[in-house]
Amino acid sequence: MQQAQFPAPRPLGTSGILMPPLALGSWHTFDRMDFGLAVDLVRRAVAAGVNLFDVGVYGTPDTVPPPLTDVIFSAVMRATGLKREDYLVSEKLWLEVFDRDRGFRPQLENALFRVGLDHADIVVLGDIRRDDLTLESLVLSLGELLKAGLIRAWGVNNWSATNIAAVMDIAAANGIPGPVMAQLKYSIARRAIPDGKPFAALFERGLALQASDVMEGGVLVKPTPPEREVGRDPGQIREKIAASAAPLGKLAEKLGATPATLCIAFAMSHPATINTLFGATRIAHLEQALAAFDLLERVGRETLRAEVEPFWSDRGVVDPEGP
């Protein structure tokens, strides 16, 4: 059978951005790779159509040890010889260091300095963990970044459906483009929030889904060493997820795929998914991600989702409303 063609990028709201179906994340990606391999990987990814890179800054100036993966990314992109218009960059903005007087601008300018760019195509706001900020102050600051040309669009990361609906309304009331996507944990094991009714209502309003943590930091693919940093564990179900890795591997083999390919294909099966984040430190990882399109086409969306139904670990454990 001929391999499925890489899907064309889709418009991200009214931002003018054409979003590819896959994005290469960089949370401890480039700081775990040989530099030459990283350059080759990025070149191959862009040539294949994977031209969005998530290069969120994971720390502050006093973080010890300092995060370096975004700095390395800057050097990688220079070495590839790619032009800025050849690729898209997504940055993170963290509410913990939001400046109530100057807004997000100091943080964003520092992030752009680290990656050697003059603007980010997308910024994604991190978790809400402060009670001294108003949603309106965040939206107004983002409006200033949009007006200054420092960003082209914005989204949120692991916010509740209620708070997302609120910022959508605030943005509309102030004539500011609202959030275009929600970056949510979405995997064969963690489905309760993106598959729930609260977010279904937001997707109907035009919000897009960017699937992240699709392999649970590698736990769904193989046991992850304790020293490796992975994302938070809502519902305290990671041990249960780890126990499902072996039977999930057998299912992937039955479907003629690797576990990583199966995980990515599942994330793509959600009708609201516009982009799926994955990590890659080898060319083989990129090839497995690209193979997800073929798997989805061969097996079919409904059949694939039915096959992985037994591995849904957070059903009835995590509130679909979100954090």
C-alpha atoms as a PDB file:
ATOM      1  CA  MET A   1       0.000   0.000   0.000  1.00  0.00           C
ATOM      2  CA  GLN A   2       1.259   3.485  -0.820  1.00  0.00           C
ATOM      3  CA  GLN A   3       2.173   5.554   2.236  1.00  0.00           C
ATOM      4  CA  ALA A   4      -0.331   8.238   3.183  1.00  0.00           C
ATOM      5  CA  GLN A   5       0.574  11.719   2.011  1.00  0.00           C
ATOM      6  CA  PHE A   6       1.590  14.249   4.653  1.00  0.00           C
ATOM      7  CA  PRO A   7      -1.518  16.394   5.258  1.00  0.00           C
ATOM      8  CA  ALA A   8      -1.474  20.013   4.169  1.00  0.00           C
ATOM      9  CA  PRO A   9      -1.186  22.685   6.876  1.00  0.00           C
ATOM     10  CA  ARG A  10      -4.443  24.218   8.074  1.00  0.00           C
ATOM     11  CA  PRO A  11      -5.320  27.826   8.929  1.00  0.00           C
ATOM     12  CA  LEU A  12      -4.973  28.570  12.646  1.00  0.00           C
ATOM     13  CA  GLY A  13      -8.053  30.647  13.328  1.00  0.00           C
ATOM     14  CA  THR A  14      -7.800  34.036  11.628  1.00  0.00           C
ATOM     15  CA  SER A  15      -4.102  34.478  12.514  1.00  0.00           C
ATOM     16  CA  GLY A  16      -2.849  33.904   8.986  1.00  0.00           C
ATOM     17  CA  ILE A  17      -0.686  31.044  10.270  1.00  0.00           C
ATOM     18  CA  LEU A  18      -0.781  27.777   8.361  1.00  0.00           C
ATOM     19  CA  MET A  19      -0.388  25.115  11.035  1.00  0.00           C
ATOM     20  CA  PRO A  20       1.342  21.834  10.165  1.00  0.00           C
ATOM     21  CA  PRO A  21      -0.173  18.680  11.674  1.00  0.00           C
ATOM     22  CA  LEU A  22       3.005  17.874  13.595  1.00  0.00           C
ATOM     23  CA  ALA A  23       5.366  19.987  15.704  1.00  0.00           C
ATOM     24  CA  LEU A  24       8.724  19.144  17.192  1.00  0.00           C
ATOM     25  CA  GLY A  25       8.820  19.978  20.883  1.00  0.00           C
ATOM     26  CA  SER A  26      12.029  20.948  22.639  1.00  0.00           C
ATOM     27  CA  TRP A  27      11.545  20.290  26.337  1.00  0.00           C
ATOM     28  CA  HIS A  28      14.957  18.703  26.979  1.00  0.00           C
ATOM     29  CA  THR A  29      15.226  17.689  23.333  1.00  0.00           C
ATOM     30  CA  PHE A  30      18.162  19.604  21.913  1.00  0.00           C
ATOM     31  CA  ASP A  31      20.128  19.447  25.164  1.00  0.00           C
ATOM     32  CA  ARG A  32      20.044  15.633  24.915  1.00  0.00           C
ATOM     33  CA  MET A  33      21.328  15.348  21.341  1.00  0.00           C
ATOM     34  CA  ASP A  34      24.535  15.430  19.368  1.00  0.00           C
ATOM     35  CA  PHE A  35      24.615  18.840  17.673  1.00  0.00           C
ATOM     36  CA  GLY A  36      25.185  17.492  14.153  1.00  0.00           C
ATOM     37  CA  LEU A  37      22.333  15.028  14.548  1.00  0.00           C
ATOM     38  CA  ALA A  38      20.055  17.829  15.738  1.00  0.00           C
ATOM     39  CA  VAL A  39      20.844  19.879  12.641  1.00  0.00           C
ATOM     40  CA  ASP A  40      20.155  16.903  10.377  1.00  0.00           C
ATOM     41  CA  LEU A  41      16.932  16.114  12.227  1.00  0.00           C
ATOM     42  CA  VAL A  42      15.601  19.662  11.882  1.00  0.00           C
ATOM     43  CA  ARG A  43      16.441  19.799   8.183  1.00  0.00           C
ATOM     44  CA  ARG A  44      14.647  16.513   7.557  1.00  0.00           C
ATOM     45  CA  ALA A  45      11.669  17.571   9.648  1.00  0.00           C
ATOM     46  CA  VAL A  46      11.168  20.829   7.735  1.00  0.00           C
ATOM     47  CA  ALA A  47      11.641  19.050   4.399  1.00  0.00           C
ATOM     48  CA  ALA A  48       8.862  16.638   5.438  1.00  0.00           C
ATOM     49  CA  GLY A  49       6.501  19.469   6.408  1.00  0.00           C
ATOM     50  CA  VAL A  50       7.142  19.480  10.160  1.00  0.00           C
ATOM     51  CA  ASN A  51       8.063  23.149  10.386  1.00  0.00           C
ATOM     52  CA  LEU A  52       6.666  24.198  13.796  1.00  0.00           C
ATOM     53  CA  PHE A  53       9.020  24.135  16.768  1.00  0.00           C
ATOM     54  CA  ASP A  54       7.908  24.531  20.375  1.00  0.00           C
ATOM     55  CA  VAL A  55      10.816  26.225  22.147  1.00  0.00           C
ATOM     56  CA  GLY A  56       9.281  27.285  25.439  1.00  0.00           C
ATOM     57  CA  VAL A  57      11.627  28.682  28.083  1.00  0.00           C
ATOM     58  CA  TYR A  58      11.566  26.453  31.139  1.00  0.00           C
ATOM     59  CA  GLY A  59      13.042  28.683  33.793  1.00  0.00           C
ATOM     60  CA  THR A  60      13.967  32.163  34.985  1.00  0.00           C
ATOM     61  CA  PRO A  61      17.353  33.919  35.124  1.00  0.00           C
ATOM     62  CA  ASP A  62      18.026  32.438  38.570  1.00  0.00           C
ATOM     63  CA  THR A  63      17.080  28.852  37.654  1.00  0.00           C
ATOM     64  CA  VAL A  64      19.828  26.372  38.558  1.00  0.00           C
ATOM     65  CA  PRO A  65      20.983  24.680  36.436  1.00  0.00           C
ATOM     66  CA  PRO A  66      19.977  27.115  33.683  1.00  0.00           C
ATOM     67  CA  PRO A  67      17.762  25.745  30.883  1.00  0.00           C
ATOM     68  CA  LEU A  68      19.708  25.610  27.634  1.00  0.00           C
ATOM     69  CA  THR A  69      17.626  23.731  25.091  1.00  0.00           C
ATOM     70  CA  ASP A  70      16.250  26.932  23.512  1.00  0.00           C
ATOM     71  CA  VAL A  71      19.750  28.421  23.264  1.00  0.00           C
ATOM     72  CA  ILE A  72      20.947  25.266  21.524  1.00  0.00           C
ATOM     73  CA  PHE A  73      17.911  25.470  19.233  1.00  0.00           C
ATOM     74  CA  SER A  74      19.090  28.920  18.135  1.00  0.00           C
ATOM     75  CA  ALA A  75      22.468  27.507  17.116  1.00  0.00           C
ATOM     76  CA  VAL A  76      20.816  24.538  15.409  1.00  0.00           C
ATOM     77  CA  MET A  77      18.630  26.785  13.265  1.00  0.00           C
ATOM     78  CA  ARG A  78      21.630  28.882  12.199  1.00  0.00           C
ATOM     79  CA  ALA A  79      23.503  25.734  11.240  1.00  0.00           C
ATOM     80  CA  THR A  80      20.618  24.413   9.131  1.00  0.00           C
ATOM     81  CA  GLY A  81      20.734  27.495   6.889  1.00  0.00           C
ATOM     82  CA  LEU A  82      16.938  27.700   6.974  1.00  0.00           C
ATOM     83  CA  LYS A  83      15.313  31.080   6.429  1.00  0.00           C
ATOM     84  CA  ARG A  84      12.990  32.442   9.110  1.00  0.00           C
ATOM     85  CA  GLU A  85      10.019  32.186   6.762  1.00  0.00           C
ATOM     86  CA  ASP A  86      10.696  28.453   6.394  1.00  0.00           C
ATOM     87  CA  TYR A  87       9.603  27.605   9.918  1.00  0.00           C
ATOM     88  CA  LEU A  88       7.272  28.586  12.774  1.00  0.00           C
ATOM     89  CA  VAL A  89       8.185  29.056  16.431  1.00  0.00           C
ATOM     90  CA  SER A  90       5.957  28.653  19.473  1.00  0.00           C
ATOM     91  CA  GLU A  91       7.112  30.143  22.786  1.00  0.00           C
ATOM     92  CA  LYS A  92       5.770  29.692  26.295  1.00  0.00           C
ATOM     93  CA  LEU A  93       4.831  32.597  28.549  1.00  0.00           C
ATOM     94  CA  TRP A  94       4.733  31.775  32.243  1.00  0.00           C
ATOM     95  CA  LEU A  95       2.269  33.471  34.569  1.00  0.00           C
ATOM     96  CA  GLU A  96       4.558  32.928  37.554  1.00  0.00           C
ATOM     97  CA  VAL A  97       6.842  35.701  36.240  1.00  0.00           C
ATOM     98  CA  PHE A  98       4.160  37.924  34.676  1.00  0.00           C
ATOM     99  CA  ASP A  99       5.067  41.554  35.434  1.00  0.00           C
ATOM    100  CA  ARG A 100       1.954  43.418  36.585  1.00  0.00           C
ATOM    101  CA  ASP A 101       3.466  46.722  35.395  1.00  0.00           C
ATOM    102  CA  ARG A 102       5.068  45.698  32.104  1.00  0.00           C
ATOM    103  CA  GLY A 103       3.051  42.622  31.254  1.00  0.00           C
ATOM    104  CA  PHE A 104       4.504  39.762  29.244  1.00  0.00           C
ATOM    105  CA  ARG A 105       6.906  41.874  27.185  1.00  0.00           C
ATOM    106  CA  PRO A 106      10.065  41.530  29.343  1.00  0.00           C
ATOM    107  CA  GLN A 107       9.637  37.760  29.495  1.00  0.00           C
ATOM    108  CA  LEU A 108       8.986  37.434  25.772  1.00  0.00           C
ATOM    109  CA  GLU A 109      11.898  39.663  24.810  1.00  0.00           C
ATOM    110  CA  ASN A 110      14.194  37.518  26.935  1.00  0.00           C
ATOM    111  CA  ALA A 111      12.826  34.351  25.335  1.00  0.00           C
ATOM    112  CA  LEU A 112      13.308  35.777  21.841  1.00  0.00           C
ATOM    113  CA  PHE A 113      16.834  36.881  22.732  1.00  0.00           C
ATOM    114  CA  ARG A 114      17.677  33.314  23.756  1.00  0.00           C
ATOM    115  CA  VAL A 115      16.522  31.912  20.409  1.00  0.00           C
ATOM    116  CA  GLY A 116      17.854  34.803  18.317  1.00  0.00           C
ATOM    117  CA  LEU A 117      14.509  35.842  16.820  1.00  0.00           C
ATOM    118  CA  ASP A 118      12.571  39.084  16.551  1.00  0.00           C
ATOM    119  CA  HIS A 119       9.111  37.555  16.941  1.00  0.00           C
ATOM    120  CA  ALA A 120       7.278  34.377  17.888  1.00  0.00           C
ATOM    121  CA  ASP A 121       4.554  33.040  15.636  1.00  0.00           C
ATOM    122  CA  ILE A 122       2.598  31.681  18.605  1.00  0.00           C
ATOM    123  CA  VAL A 123       2.855  32.103  22.357  1.00  0.00           C
ATOM    124  CA  VAL A 124       1.197  29.710  24.768  1.00  0.00           C
ATOM    125  CA  LEU A 125       0.322  30.846  28.285  1.00  0.00           C
ATOM    126  CA  GLY A 126       1.319  28.445  31.032  1.00  0.00           C
ATOM    127  CA  ASP A 127      -0.780  27.176  33.922  1.00  0.00           C
ATOM    128  CA  ILE A 128      -2.665  29.586  36.160  1.00  0.00           C
ATOM    129  CA  ARG A 129      -1.044  29.338  39.590  1.00  0.00           C
ATOM    130  CA  ARG A 130      -1.380  32.927  40.845  1.00  0.00           C
ATOM    131  CA  ASP A 131      -4.411  34.550  42.426  1.00  0.00           C
ATOM    132  CA  ASP A 132      -3.132  38.132  42.154  1.00  0.00           C
ATOM    133  CA  LEU A 133      -3.689  38.444  38.397  1.00  0.00           C
ATOM    134  CA  THR A 134      -6.814  39.207  36.390  1.00  0.00           C
ATOM    135  CA  LEU A 135      -7.579  37.497  33.122  1.00  0.00           C
ATOM    136  CA  GLU A 136      -8.180  40.909  31.581  1.00  0.00           C
ATOM    137  CA  SER A 137      -4.632  42.031  32.394  1.00  0.00           C
ATOM    138  CA  LEU A 138      -3.266  38.982  30.565  1.00  0.00           C
ATOM    139  CA  VAL A 139      -5.429  39.585  27.494  1.00  0.00           C
ATOM    140  CA  LEU A 140      -4.551  43.292  27.330  1.00  0.00           C
ATOM    141  CA  SER A 141      -0.839  42.486  27.534  1.00  0.00           C
ATOM    142  CA  LEU A 142      -1.187  39.969  24.719  1.00  0.00           C
ATOM    143  CA  GLY A 143      -2.998  42.618  22.693  1.00  0.00           C
ATOM    144  CA  GLU A 144       0.045  44.871  23.069  1.00  0.00           C
ATOM    145  CA  LEU A 145       2.359  42.085  21.874  1.00  0.00           C
ATOM    146  CA  LEU A 146       0.135  41.499  18.843  1.00  0.00           C
ATOM    147  CA  LYS A 147       0.073  45.201  18.021  1.00  0.00           C
ATOM    148  CA  ALA A 148       3.869  45.430  18.331  1.00  0.00           C
ATOM    149  CA  GLY A 149       4.345  42.506  15.940  1.00  0.00           C
ATOM    150  CA  LEU A 150       6.125  40.424  18.562  1.00  0.00           C
ATOM    151  CA  ILE A 151       3.583  37.607  18.225  1.00  0.00           C
ATOM    152  CA  ARG A 152       1.063  36.532  15.589  1.00  0.00           C
ATOM    153  CA  ALA A 153      -1.289  34.435  17.722  1.00  0.00           C
ATOM    154  CA  TRP A 154      -1.695  33.042  21.206  1.00  0.00           C
ATOM    155  CA  GLY A 155      -3.068  30.051  23.038  1.00  0.00           C
ATOM    156  CA  VAL A 156      -3.150  28.533  26.507  1.00  0.00           C
ATOM    157  CA  ASN A 157      -1.693  25.457  28.168  1.00  0.00           C
ATOM    158  CA  ASN A 158      -3.796  23.217  30.427  1.00  0.00           C
ATOM    159  CA  TRP A 159      -6.329  25.885  31.403  1.00  0.00           C
ATOM    160  CA  SER A 160      -9.860  25.109  32.525  1.00  0.00           C
ATOM    161  CA  ALA A 161     -12.672  25.403  30.013  1.00  0.00           C
ATOM    162  CA  THR A 162     -14.239  28.159  32.113  1.00  0.00           C
ATOM    163  CA  ASN A 163     -11.119  30.323  32.080  1.00  0.00           C
ATOM    164  CA  ILE A 164     -10.628  29.834  28.348  1.00  0.00           C
ATOM    165  CA  ALA A 165     -14.216  30.855  27.656  1.00  0.00           C
ATOM    166  CA  ALA A 166     -13.649  33.902  29.855  1.00  0.00           C
ATOM    167  CA  VAL A 167     -10.555  35.109  27.980  1.00  0.00           C
ATOM    168  CA  MET A 168     -12.311  34.523  24.665  1.00  0.00           C
ATOM    169  CA  ASP A 169     -15.101  36.839  25.823  1.00  0.00           C
ATOM    170  CA  ILE A 170     -12.676  39.415  27.258  1.00  0.00           C
ATOM    171  CA  ALA A 171     -10.677  39.490  24.033  1.00  0.00           C
ATOM    172  CA  ALA A 172     -13.810  39.951  21.936  1.00  0.00           C
ATOM    173  CA  ALA A 173     -15.029  42.771  24.180  1.00  0.00           C
ATOM    174  CA  ASN A 174     -11.701  44.585  23.785  1.00  0.00           C
ATOM    175  CA  GLY A 175     -11.303  44.016  20.042  1.00  0.00           C
ATOM    176  CA  ILE A 176      -8.273  41.775  20.569  1.00  0.00           C
ATOM    177  CA  PRO A 177      -7.784  38.440  18.778  1.00  0.00           C
ATOM    178  CA  GLY A 178      -8.579  35.703  21.279  1.00  0.00           C
ATOM    179  CA  PRO A 179      -6.869  32.380  21.919  1.00  0.00           C
ATOM    180  CA  VAL A 180      -6.641  30.232  18.815  1.00  0.00           C
ATOM    181  CA  MET A 181      -5.712  26.949  20.478  1.00  0.00           C
ATOM    182  CA  ALA A 182      -5.466  25.067  23.735  1.00  0.00           C
ATOM    183  CA  GLN A 183      -2.393  22.942  24.346  1.00  0.00           C
ATOM    184  CA  LEU A 184      -3.714  20.017  26.374  1.00  0.00           C
ATOM    185  CA  LYS A 185      -2.375  16.724  27.614  1.00  0.00           C
ATOM    186  CA  TYR A 186      -3.976  14.268  25.221  1.00  0.00           C
ATOM    187  CA  SER A 187      -3.033  10.646  24.903  1.00  0.00           C
ATOM    188  CA  ILE A 188      -4.371   7.128  24.796  1.00  0.00           C
ATOM    189  CA  ALA A 189      -4.220   7.249  28.604  1.00  0.00           C
ATOM    190  CA  ARG A 190      -5.204  10.896  29.319  1.00  0.00           C
ATOM    191  CA  ARG A 191      -8.388  11.771  27.458  1.00  0.00           C
ATOM    192  CA  ALA A 192     -10.904  13.033  30.004  1.00  0.00           C
ATOM    193  CA  ILE A 193     -10.400  16.751  29.390  1.00  0.00           C
ATOM    194  CA  PRO A 194     -10.121  17.043  25.563  1.00  0.00           C
ATOM    195  CA  ASP A 195     -12.841  14.412  25.081  1.00  0.00           C
ATOM    196  CA  GLY A 196     -15.210  15.991  27.615  1.00  0.00           C
ATOM    197  CA  LYS A 197     -18.260  18.212  27.117  1.00  0.00           C
ATOM    198  CA  PRO A 198     -16.767  21.478  28.458  1.00  0.00           C
ATOM    199  CA  PHE A 199     -14.054  21.537  25.810  1.00  0.00           C
ATOM    200  CA  ALA A 200     -16.380  20.261  23.100  1.00  0.00           C
ATOM    201  CA  ALA A 201     -18.268  23.538  23.516  1.00  0.00           C
ATOM    202  CA  LEU A 202     -15.041  25.515  23.080  1.00  0.00           C
ATOM    203  CA  PHE A 203     -14.048  23.546  19.991  1.00  0.00           C
ATOM    204  CA  GLU A 204     -17.450  24.431  18.527  1.00  0.00           C
ATOM    205  CA  ARG A 205     -16.532  28.091  19.065  1.00  0.00           C
ATOM    206  CA  GLY A 206     -13.465  27.626  16.879  1.00  0.00           C
ATOM    207  CA  LEU A 207     -10.776  26.833  19.440  1.00  0.00           C
ATOM    208  CA  ALA A 208      -8.260  24.310  18.120  1.00  0.00           C
ATOM    209  CA  LEU A 209      -6.528  21.524  20.052  1.00  0.00           C
ATOM    210  CA  GLN A 210      -2.772  21.107  20.191  1.00  0.00           C
ATOM    211  CA  ALA A 211      -2.096  17.664  21.631  1.00  0.00           C
ATOM    212  CA  SER A 212       0.850  17.418  24.011  1.00  0.00           C
ATOM    213  CA  ASP A 213       2.312  14.725  26.262  1.00  0.00           C
ATOM    214  CA  VAL A 214       1.022  12.179  23.755  1.00  0.00           C
ATOM    215  CA  MET A 215       3.466   9.536  25.034  1.00  0.00           C
ATOM    216  CA  GLU A 216       3.314  10.599  28.709  1.00  0.00           C
ATOM    217  CA  GLY A 217       6.939  11.674  28.573  1.00  0.00           C
ATOM    218  CA  GLY A 218       7.860   8.270  27.141  1.00  0.00           C
ATOM    219  CA  VAL A 219       6.067   6.239  29.798  1.00  0.00           C
ATOM    220  CA  LEU A 220       3.526   4.889  27.308  1.00  0.00           C
ATOM    221  CA  VAL A 221       6.314   3.769  24.997  1.00  0.00           C
ATOM    222  CA  LYS A 222       8.751   2.396  27.544  1.00  0.00           C
ATOM    223  CA  PRO A 223       9.523   2.891  31.253  1.00  0.00           C
ATOM    224  CA  THR A 224      11.084   6.299  31.823  1.00  0.00           C
ATOM    225  CA  PRO A 225      14.127   6.571  34.103  1.00  0.00           C
ATOM    226  CA  PRO A 226      13.189   8.327  37.374  1.00  0.00           C
ATOM    227  CA  GLU A 227      15.815  11.028  36.830  1.00  0.00           C
ATOM    228  CA  ARG A 228      14.217  12.210  33.605  1.00  0.00           C
ATOM    229  CA  GLU A 229      11.865  15.167  34.073  1.00  0.00           C
ATOM    230  CA  VAL A 230       8.377  14.653  32.692  1.00  0.00           C
ATOM    231  CA  GLY A 231       5.130  16.602  32.979  1.00  0.00           C
ATOM    232  CA  ARG A 232       2.729  16.764  35.893  1.00  0.00           C
ATOM    233  CA  ASP A 233       0.552  13.775  36.799  1.00  0.00           C
ATOM    234  CA  PRO A 234      -3.088  14.910  37.202  1.00  0.00           C
ATOM    235  CA  GLY A 235      -5.072  12.236  38.986  1.00  0.00           C
ATOM    236  CA  GLN A 236      -1.915  10.436  40.157  1.00  0.00           C
ATOM    237  CA  ILE A 237      -2.283   7.756  37.488  1.00  0.00           C
ATOM    238  CA  ARG A 238       1.239   7.536  36.064  1.00  0.00           C
ATOM    239  CA  GLU A 239       1.907   4.161  37.668  1.00  0.00           C
ATOM    240  CA  LYS A 240      -1.244   2.816  36.028  1.00  0.00           C
ATOM    241  CA  ILE A 241      -0.154   4.315  32.697  1.00  0.00           C
ATOM    242  CA  ALA A 242       3.285   2.735  32.984  1.00  0.00           C
ATOM    243  CA  ALA A 243       1.673  -0.665  33.548  1.00  0.00           C
ATOM    244  CA  SER A 244      -0.177  -0.320  30.234  1.00  0.00           C
ATOM    245  CA  ALA A 245       2.999   0.127  28.168  1.00  0.00           C
ATOM    246  CA  ALA A 246       3.535  -3.588  27.528  1.00  0.00           C
ATOM    247  CA  PRO A 247      -0.017  -4.437  26.363  1.00  0.00           C
ATOM    248  CA  LEU A 248      -0.081  -1.228  24.324  1.00  0.00           C
ATOM    249  CA  GLY A 249       3.089  -2.410  22.598  1.00  0.00           C
ATOM    250  CA  LYS A 250       1.346  -5.664  21.656  1.00  0.00           C
ATOM    251  CA  LEU A 251      -1.583  -3.727  20.207  1.00  0.00           C
ATOM    252  CA  ALA A 252       0.769  -1.552  18.173  1.00  0.00           C
ATOM    253  CA  GLU A 253       2.457  -4.672  16.813  1.00  0.00           C
ATOM    254  CA  LYS A 254      -0.942  -6.087  15.824  1.00  0.00           C
ATOM    255  CA  LEU A 255      -1.688  -2.878  13.941  1.00  0.00           C
ATOM    256  CA  GLY A 256       1.669  -2.941  12.192  1.00  0.00           C
ATOM    257  CA  ALA A 257       3.062   0.105  13.976  1.00  0.00           C
ATOM    258  CA  THR A 258       5.357   1.158  16.784  1.00  0.00           C
ATOM    259  CA  PRO A 259       3.876   2.324  20.109  1.00  0.00           C
ATOM    260  CA  ALA A 260       5.042   5.881  19.372  1.00  0.00           C
ATOM    261  CA  THR A 261       3.311   5.868  15.995  1.00  0.00           C
ATOM    262  CA  LEU A 262       0.112   4.572  17.595  1.00  0.00           C
ATOM    263  CA  CYS A 263       0.199   7.292  20.275  1.00  0.00           C
ATOM    264  CA  ILE A 264       0.618  10.060  17.698  1.00  0.00           C
ATOM    265  CA  ALA A 265      -2.061   8.622  15.419  1.00  0.00           C
ATOM    266  CA  PHE A 266      -4.511   8.578  18.326  1.00  0.00           C
ATOM    267  CA  ALA A 267      -3.826  12.239  19.142  1.00  0.00           C
ATOM    268  CA  MET A 268      -4.517  13.109  15.516  1.00  0.00           C
ATOM    269  CA  SER A 269      -7.818  11.251  15.587  1.00  0.00           C
ATOM    270  CA  HIS A 270      -9.559  13.971  17.626  1.00  0.00           C
ATOM    271  CA  PRO A 271     -11.549  16.166  15.204  1.00  0.00           C
ATOM    272  CA  ALA A 272     -10.334  19.362  16.904  1.00  0.00           C
ATOM    273  CA  THR A 273      -6.640  18.454  16.750  1.00  0.00           C
ATOM    274  CA  ILE A 274      -4.804  20.920  14.532  1.00  0.00           C
ATOM    275  CA  ASN A 275      -1.327  19.962  15.692  1.00  0.00           C
ATOM    276  CA  THR A 276       0.389  17.220  17.681  1.00  0.00           C
ATOM    277  CA  LEU A 277       3.595  17.822  19.606  1.00  0.00           C
ATOM    278  CA  PHE A 278       6.207  15.093  19.734  1.00  0.00           C
ATOM    279  CA  GLY A 279       9.790  14.847  20.877  1.00  0.00           C
ATOM    280  CA  ALA A 280      12.561  13.357  18.764  1.00  0.00           C
ATOM    281  CA  THR A 281      16.226  12.787  19.488  1.00  0.00           C
ATOM    282  CA  ARG A 282      16.786  10.408  16.571  1.00  0.00           C
ATOM    283  CA  ILE A 283      15.826  10.309  12.908  1.00  0.00           C
ATOM    284  CA  ALA A 284      13.884   7.116  13.655  1.00  0.00           C
ATOM    285  CA  HIS A 285      11.647   9.093  16.031  1.00  0.00           C
ATOM    286  CA  LEU A 286      10.768  11.514  13.233  1.00  0.00           C
ATOM    287  CA  GLU A 287      10.020   8.628  10.881  1.00  0.00           C
ATOM    288  CA  GLN A 288       7.718   7.029  13.454  1.00  0.00           C
ATOM    289  CA  ALA A 289       5.830  10.301  13.826  1.00  0.00           C
ATOM    290  CA  LEU A 290       5.381  10.652  10.082  1.00  0.00           C
ATOM    291  CA  ALA A 291       4.129   7.052   9.910  1.00  0.00           C
ATOM    292  CA  ALA A 292       1.128   8.032  12.063  1.00  0.00           C
ATOM    293  CA  PHE A 293      -0.715   9.365   9.017  1.00  0.00           C
ATOM    294  CA  ASP A 294      -0.408   6.031   7.251  1.00  0.00           C
ATOM    295  CA  LEU A 295      -1.613   4.168  10.358  1.00  0.00           C
ATOM    296  CA  LEU A 296      -4.633   6.423  10.761  1.00  0.00           C
ATOM    297  CA  GLU A 297      -5.560   5.981   7.098  1.00  0.00           C
ATOM    298  CA  ARG A 298      -5.057   2.198   7.128  1.00  0.00           C
ATOM    299  CA  VAL A 299      -6.930   1.468  10.342  1.00  0.00           C
ATOM    300  CA  GLY A 300      -9.485   4.262  10.307  1.00  0.00           C
ATOM    301  CA  ARG A 301     -10.282   6.798  13.019  1.00  0.00           C
ATOM    302  CA  GLU A 302     -13.172   4.975  14.677  1.00  0.00           C
ATOM    303  CA  THR A 303     -11.473   1.574  14.669  1.00  0.00           C
ATOM    304  CA  LEU A 304      -8.252   2.988  16.102  1.00  0.00           C
ATOM    305  CA  ARG A 305     -10.079   4.780  18.912  1.00  0.00           C
ATOM    306  CA  ALA A 306     -12.043   1.641  19.722  1.00  0.00           C
ATOM    307  CA  GLU A 307      -8.845  -0.440  19.874  1.00  0.00           C
ATOM    308  CA  VAL A 308      -7.214   1.835  22.467  1.00  0.00           C
ATOM    309  CA  GLU A 309     -10.339   2.344  24.593  1.00  0.00           C
ATOM    310  CA  PRO A 310      -9.152  -0.101  27.325  1.00  0.00           C
ATOM    311  CA  PHE A 311      -6.070   2.053  27.947  1.00  0.00           C
ATOM    312  CA  TRP A 312      -8.027   5.175  28.974  1.00  0.00           C
ATOM    313  CA  SER A 313      -6.647   5.728  32.494  1.00  0.00           C
ATOM    314  CA  ASP A 314      -8.111   9.062  33.627  1.00  0.00           C
ATOM    315  CA  ARG A 315     -11.768   8.399  32.856  1.00  0.00           C
ATOM    316  CA  GLY A 316     -13.807   9.271  35.937  1.00  0.00           C
ATOM    317  CA  VAL A 317     -10.631  10.396  37.725  1.00  0.00           C
ATOM    318  CA  VAL A 318      -9.905  13.811  36.207  1.00  0.00           C
ATOM    319  CA  ASP A 319     -12.576  16.516  35.896  1.00  0.00           C
ATOM    320  CA  PRO A 320     -13.288  17.215  32.166  1.00  0.00           C
ATOM    321  CA  GLU A 321     -13.558  20.904  33.059  1.00  0.00           C
ATOM    322  CA  GLY A 322      -9.798  20.997  33.457  1.00  0.00           C
ATOM    323  CA  PRO A 323      -7.561  22.521  36.139  1.00  0.00           C
END
